[in-house]
Amino acid sequence: MIGFEKSINNLDLKLFEKISSQTNDHDKQSLLACQLAARELTEGYNYLEIGSYLGGSIQPHLLDEKCLKIYSIDKRPLVQPDERGVDYTYRNNSTARMLENLKTVAPEQIEKITAIDGDTRSVKPSEIKDKITLCYIDGEHTDEAVMGDFKFCLSVLSENGAILFDDANIIYNAIAGAIAYLKQNSVNFRAFSLPDKIFAVEIGDFPIHQNKAILERLLNNYQGYLYSLQSNDLYRQFVNKKPIRFYRKFMTKIKGLNEFD
């Protein structure tokens, strides 16, 4: 545990070394910062993850003795839709494969994992037997699915906790919907983005933003801002191609959108 304490406090990427993760290094450190903050605010925390694939983002929580329980919800589809308009294929996507991977990380801790095959449209909140402190949404990247995942997390979250979204640069409309939902229902929250594409929502009195590691990322939030814009720059490149650019210029001129008094 002493080695883990040093690693988590240093946001050491070696905590992810045994299982491949689709998150980049900045995202991994942002996730570790959120984990560090959550464990400092509680004597012990419960973790829920939606969309686990190989188990890469579970491994730091599996190693953490302060993480009492881990829930993984994943429908395990071969093909998954996405807001980018491309379906993504996940071969050999099974819970058994994930658990075998995680046994290489901490075999003595594997019993604290409850893996549920399904998505939040079919899984009942009652299947989550413990109040959750920290949720991580990284399942189907469509606005409808992400919004459903968010409402599910909200229903099983402790009075004070946090919900994290991965790939905020893709599912930003769903995140906007989630924020609107919180406002409409008078839920006390704070929200912020972390580099490169993690979006965090604090629910109730759960100030993970006060953690030094997170605060440092908030003060240098140019990383996530620029990443999000540049990752979507291909759309700007597309609409600036000749036929579309000429059409845009024509419509702008007709409507007088480029003229100012």
Protein backbone atom coordinates (compact mmCIF):
# COMPACT_ATOMS: atom_id res chain seq x y z
CA MET A 1 0.00 0.00 0.00
CA ILE A 2 2.93 2.34 0.65
CA GLY A 3 3.99 2.00 -2.97
CA PHE A 4 0.44 2.72 -4.14
CA GLU A 5 0.18 5.83 -1.92
CA LYS A 6 3.33 7.23 -3.47
CA SER A 7 2.12 6.43 -6.98
CA ILE A 8 -1.35 7.94 -6.58
CA ASN A 9 0.04 11.09 -4.98
CA ASN A 10 2.46 11.48 -7.90
CA LEU A 11 -0.26 10.64 -10.45
CA ASP A 12 2.09 7.94 -11.65
CA LEU A 13 1.08 6.52 -15.05
CA LYS A 14 2.54 3.15 -14.01
CA LEU A 15 -0.80 2.55 -12.26
CA PHE A 16 -2.16 1.95 -15.77
CA GLU A 17 0.75 -0.11 -17.07
CA LYS A 18 -0.64 -3.67 -16.97
CA ILE A 19 -3.78 -3.19 -19.07
CA SER A 20 -4.01 -1.10 -22.20
CA SER A 21 -6.31 1.91 -21.88
CA GLN A 22 -7.76 4.05 -24.68
CA THR A 23 -7.25 7.21 -22.64
CA ASN A 24 -4.19 9.36 -23.30
CA ASP A 25 -1.64 10.31 -20.65
CA HIS A 26 -3.27 13.65 -19.76
CA ASP A 27 -6.62 11.93 -19.29
CA LYS A 28 -5.08 9.19 -17.16
CA GLN A 29 -3.53 11.76 -14.85
CA SER A 30 -6.81 13.68 -14.64
CA LEU A 31 -8.58 10.46 -13.67
CA LEU A 32 -5.93 9.74 -11.06
CA ALA A 33 -6.34 13.28 -9.70
CA CYS A 34 -10.09 12.70 -9.33
CA GLN A 35 -9.44 9.37 -7.62
CA LEU A 36 -6.94 11.02 -5.29
CA ALA A 37 -9.41 13.76 -4.42
CA ALA A 38 -12.27 11.30 -3.84
CA ARG A 39 -10.22 9.10 -1.51
CA GLU A 40 -9.13 12.17 0.48
CA LEU A 41 -12.76 13.23 0.98
CA THR A 42 -13.93 9.83 2.24
CA GLU A 43 -12.75 7.04 4.50
CA GLY A 44 -13.61 4.63 1.71
CA TYR A 45 -15.30 5.07 -1.66
CA ASN A 46 -17.33 3.02 -4.16
CA TYR A 47 -16.64 3.29 -7.88
CA LEU A 48 -18.97 2.78 -10.85
CA GLU A 49 -17.76 2.61 -14.42
CA ILE A 50 -19.93 2.49 -17.54
CA GLY A 51 -18.01 1.09 -20.49
CA SER A 52 -15.01 -0.90 -19.28
CA TYR A 53 -13.81 -2.86 -22.35
CA LEU A 54 -10.45 -4.37 -21.26
CA GLY A 55 -10.50 -2.95 -17.72
CA GLY A 56 -7.75 -0.38 -18.24
CA SER A 57 -9.41 2.43 -16.29
CA ILE A 58 -10.45 0.08 -13.47
CA GLN A 59 -6.93 -0.95 -12.51
CA PRO A 60 -5.99 2.08 -10.31
CA HIS A 61 -9.17 1.56 -8.28
CA LEU A 62 -8.53 -2.18 -7.98
CA LEU A 63 -5.12 -1.40 -6.47
CA ASP A 64 -6.61 1.14 -4.04
CA GLU A 65 -7.51 -0.27 -0.62
CA LYS A 66 -9.69 2.78 -0.03
CA CYS A 67 -11.84 1.68 -2.97
CA LEU A 68 -14.31 -0.63 -1.27
CA LYS A 69 -16.42 -1.72 -4.23
CA ILE A 70 -16.19 -1.52 -8.02
CA TYR A 71 -19.16 -1.84 -10.38
CA SER A 72 -18.65 -2.24 -14.10
CA ILE A 73 -21.59 -1.90 -16.49
CA ASP A 74 -20.92 -2.79 -20.12
CA LYS A 75 -23.25 -4.16 -22.79
CA ARG A 76 -20.22 -5.65 -24.56
CA PRO A 77 -21.37 -4.97 -28.14
CA LEU A 78 -19.32 -6.03 -31.14
CA VAL A 79 -20.21 -2.77 -32.90
CA GLN A 80 -21.01 0.50 -31.16
CA PRO A 81 -22.51 3.70 -32.67
CA ASP A 82 -20.85 7.05 -32.14
CA GLU A 83 -21.68 10.75 -32.55
CA ARG A 84 -18.80 11.05 -35.02
CA GLY A 85 -20.92 9.11 -37.50
CA VAL A 86 -18.71 6.03 -37.56
CA ASP A 87 -19.52 2.69 -35.93
CA TYR A 88 -16.62 1.29 -33.87
CA THR A 89 -15.86 -2.43 -33.61
CA TYR A 90 -14.68 -4.09 -30.39
CA ARG A 91 -13.60 -7.68 -31.04
CA ASN A 92 -13.41 -10.24 -28.25
CA ASN A 93 -15.21 -7.79 -25.98
CA SER A 94 -16.22 -9.85 -22.97
CA THR A 95 -16.44 -9.56 -19.20
CA ALA A 96 -14.40 -12.75 -18.85
CA ARG A 97 -11.53 -11.20 -20.80
CA MET A 98 -11.66 -8.04 -18.68
CA LEU A 99 -11.59 -10.00 -15.41
CA GLU A 100 -8.68 -12.11 -16.60
CA ASN A 101 -6.80 -8.90 -17.37
CA LEU A 102 -7.58 -7.46 -13.94
CA LYS A 103 -6.39 -10.62 -12.18
CA THR A 104 -2.91 -9.76 -13.43
CA VAL A 105 -3.17 -6.41 -11.62
CA ALA A 106 -4.37 -7.44 -8.16
CA PRO A 107 -5.74 -11.02 -7.98
CA GLU A 108 -6.47 -10.69 -4.25
CA GLN A 109 -8.78 -7.72 -4.89
CA ILE A 110 -10.81 -9.15 -7.78
CA GLU A 111 -13.75 -10.05 -5.52
CA LYS A 112 -14.62 -6.39 -5.00
CA ILE A 113 -15.64 -6.13 -8.66
CA THR A 114 -19.26 -6.65 -9.71
CA ALA A 115 -19.51 -6.81 -13.49
CA ILE A 116 -22.92 -6.37 -15.12
CA ASP A 117 -23.45 -7.17 -18.80
CA GLY A 118 -25.94 -4.64 -20.15
CA ASP A 119 -26.44 -0.90 -20.50
CA THR A 120 -28.17 1.61 -18.29
CA ARG A 121 -31.34 1.31 -20.37
CA SER A 122 -31.71 -2.30 -19.23
CA VAL A 123 -29.88 -2.43 -15.87
CA LYS A 124 -31.97 -1.46 -12.84
CA PRO A 125 -30.47 0.96 -10.30
CA SER A 126 -31.39 -1.57 -7.60
CA GLU A 127 -28.66 -3.85 -8.99
CA ILE A 128 -26.13 -1.39 -7.58
CA LYS A 129 -26.16 -2.44 -3.94
CA ASP A 130 -23.88 0.31 -2.64
CA LYS A 131 -24.09 4.08 -2.81
CA ILE A 132 -21.55 5.24 -5.37
CA THR A 133 -19.00 7.98 -4.69
CA LEU A 134 -17.32 8.25 -8.08
CA CYS A 135 -18.87 7.46 -11.49
CA TYR A 136 -17.03 7.31 -14.81
CA ILE A 137 -19.02 7.36 -18.06
CA ASP A 138 -17.21 5.94 -21.07
CA GLY A 139 -19.78 3.74 -22.81
CA GLU A 140 -21.67 4.29 -26.05
CA HIS A 141 -20.69 7.71 -27.41
CA THR A 142 -24.12 8.88 -28.52
CA ASP A 143 -25.92 11.78 -26.88
CA GLU A 144 -28.95 9.64 -26.04
CA ALA A 145 -26.89 6.88 -24.42
CA VAL A 146 -24.68 9.30 -22.47
CA MET A 147 -27.71 11.15 -21.13
CA GLY A 148 -29.18 7.84 -19.99
CA ASP A 149 -25.88 6.89 -18.36
CA PHE A 150 -25.79 10.22 -16.55
CA LYS A 151 -29.29 9.84 -15.13
CA PHE A 152 -28.46 6.31 -14.03
CA CYS A 153 -25.32 7.52 -12.25
CA LEU A 154 -27.28 10.27 -10.59
CA SER A 155 -29.81 7.72 -9.30
CA VAL A 156 -27.15 5.53 -7.63
CA LEU A 157 -24.77 8.29 -6.52
CA SER A 158 -24.28 9.13 -2.88
CA GLU A 159 -25.67 12.46 -1.67
CA ASN A 160 -22.16 13.83 -2.19
CA GLY A 161 -20.14 12.46 -5.09
CA ALA A 162 -18.80 13.07 -8.59
CA ILE A 163 -19.62 11.96 -12.12
CA LEU A 164 -16.87 11.97 -14.76
CA PHE A 165 -17.35 11.91 -18.53
CA ASP A 166 -14.68 10.74 -20.94
CA ASP A 167 -14.37 12.13 -24.50
CA ALA A 168 -16.11 15.40 -23.67
CA ASN A 169 -15.02 16.74 -27.06
CA ILE A 170 -17.37 14.20 -28.68
CA ILE A 171 -20.36 13.99 -26.33
CA TYR A 172 -20.53 17.70 -25.42
CA ASN A 173 -24.22 17.98 -26.36
CA ALA A 174 -25.07 15.23 -23.88
CA ILE A 175 -23.01 17.00 -21.22
CA ALA A 176 -24.92 20.24 -21.96
CA GLY A 177 -28.13 18.25 -21.53
CA ALA A 178 -26.89 16.83 -18.23
CA ILE A 179 -26.09 20.31 -16.92
CA ALA A 180 -29.53 21.56 -18.00
CA TYR A 181 -31.13 18.58 -16.25
CA LEU A 182 -29.33 19.40 -12.99
CA LYS A 183 -30.44 23.03 -13.18
CA GLN A 184 -34.04 22.10 -13.98
CA ASN A 185 -34.14 19.78 -10.98
CA SER A 186 -32.41 22.23 -8.62
CA VAL A 187 -29.51 19.86 -7.95
CA ASN A 188 -26.52 21.46 -6.22
CA PHE A 189 -23.48 20.96 -8.45
CA ARG A 190 -20.20 22.30 -9.79
CA ALA A 191 -18.78 21.34 -13.18
CA PHE A 192 -15.47 21.75 -14.96
CA SER A 193 -13.28 20.22 -17.65
CA LEU A 194 -9.90 18.59 -17.15
CA PRO A 195 -7.19 17.90 -19.74
CA ASP A 196 -7.51 16.58 -22.24
CA LYS A 197 -11.15 15.47 -22.49
CA ILE A 198 -12.44 14.62 -19.02
CA PHE A 199 -15.49 16.54 -17.79
CA ALA A 200 -16.27 16.42 -14.07
CA VAL A 201 -19.50 17.17 -12.24
CA GLU A 202 -19.48 17.47 -8.46
CA ILE A 203 -22.83 16.66 -6.89
CA GLY A 204 -23.74 18.04 -3.47
CA ASP A 205 -20.82 18.86 -1.18
CA PHE A 206 -17.96 16.99 -2.82
CA PRO A 207 -15.26 19.57 -3.61
CA ILE A 208 -12.74 17.50 -5.54
CA HIS A 209 -11.76 20.75 -7.29
CA GLN A 210 -9.97 21.83 -4.12
CA ASN A 211 -7.46 19.02 -4.48
CA LYS A 212 -4.06 20.45 -5.42
CA ALA A 213 -3.64 18.16 -8.43
CA ILE A 214 -7.03 19.11 -9.87
CA LEU A 215 -6.66 22.79 -9.08
CA GLU A 216 -3.36 22.85 -10.98
CA ARG A 217 -5.15 21.42 -14.04
CA LEU A 218 -7.94 23.94 -13.73
CA LEU A 219 -5.46 26.81 -13.66
CA ASN A 220 -3.80 25.44 -16.80
CA ASN A 221 -6.96 24.44 -18.61
CA TYR A 222 -5.62 25.50 -21.99
CA GLN A 223 -4.66 21.87 -22.61
CA GLY A 224 -8.21 20.56 -22.64
CA TYR A 225 -9.55 23.64 -24.39
CA LEU A 226 -7.10 23.42 -27.27
CA TYR A 227 -7.38 19.64 -27.50
CA SER A 228 -11.16 19.83 -27.89
CA LEU A 229 -11.01 22.50 -30.57
CA GLN A 230 -8.22 20.88 -32.53
CA SER A 231 -9.80 17.42 -32.37
CA ASN A 232 -12.84 18.85 -34.14
CA ASP A 233 -10.88 20.95 -36.63
CA LEU A 234 -11.49 18.40 -39.39
CA TYR A 235 -15.08 19.67 -39.59
CA ARG A 236 -13.84 23.22 -40.20
CA GLN A 237 -11.48 21.88 -42.83
CA PHE A 238 -14.40 20.09 -44.49
CA VAL A 239 -16.71 23.12 -44.65
CA ASN A 240 -13.85 25.20 -46.07
CA LYS A 241 -13.43 22.96 -49.10
CA LYS A 242 -14.22 24.73 -52.37
CA PRO A 243 -17.84 23.71 -53.15
CA ILE A 244 -19.03 24.19 -49.58
CA ARG A 245 -16.97 27.35 -49.08
CA PHE A 246 -18.46 28.93 -52.21
CA TYR A 247 -21.97 28.06 -51.02
CA ARG A 248 -21.30 29.53 -47.58
CA LYS A 249 -19.92 32.73 -49.10
CA PHE A 250 -22.94 33.02 -51.37
CA MET A 251 -25.46 32.49 -48.54
CA THR A 252 -23.55 34.85 -46.25
CA LYS A 253 -23.65 37.57 -48.91
CA ILE A 254 -27.36 37.01 -49.70
CA LYS A 255 -28.26 37.24 -46.03
CA GLY A 256 -25.90 40.15 -45.40
CA LEU A 257 -24.20 38.35 -42.54
CA ASN A 258 -20.80 39.78 -43.42
CA GLU A 259 -21.89 43.42 -43.41
CA PHE A 260 -21.84 45.62 -40.33
CA ASP A 261 -22.97 49.22 -39.75
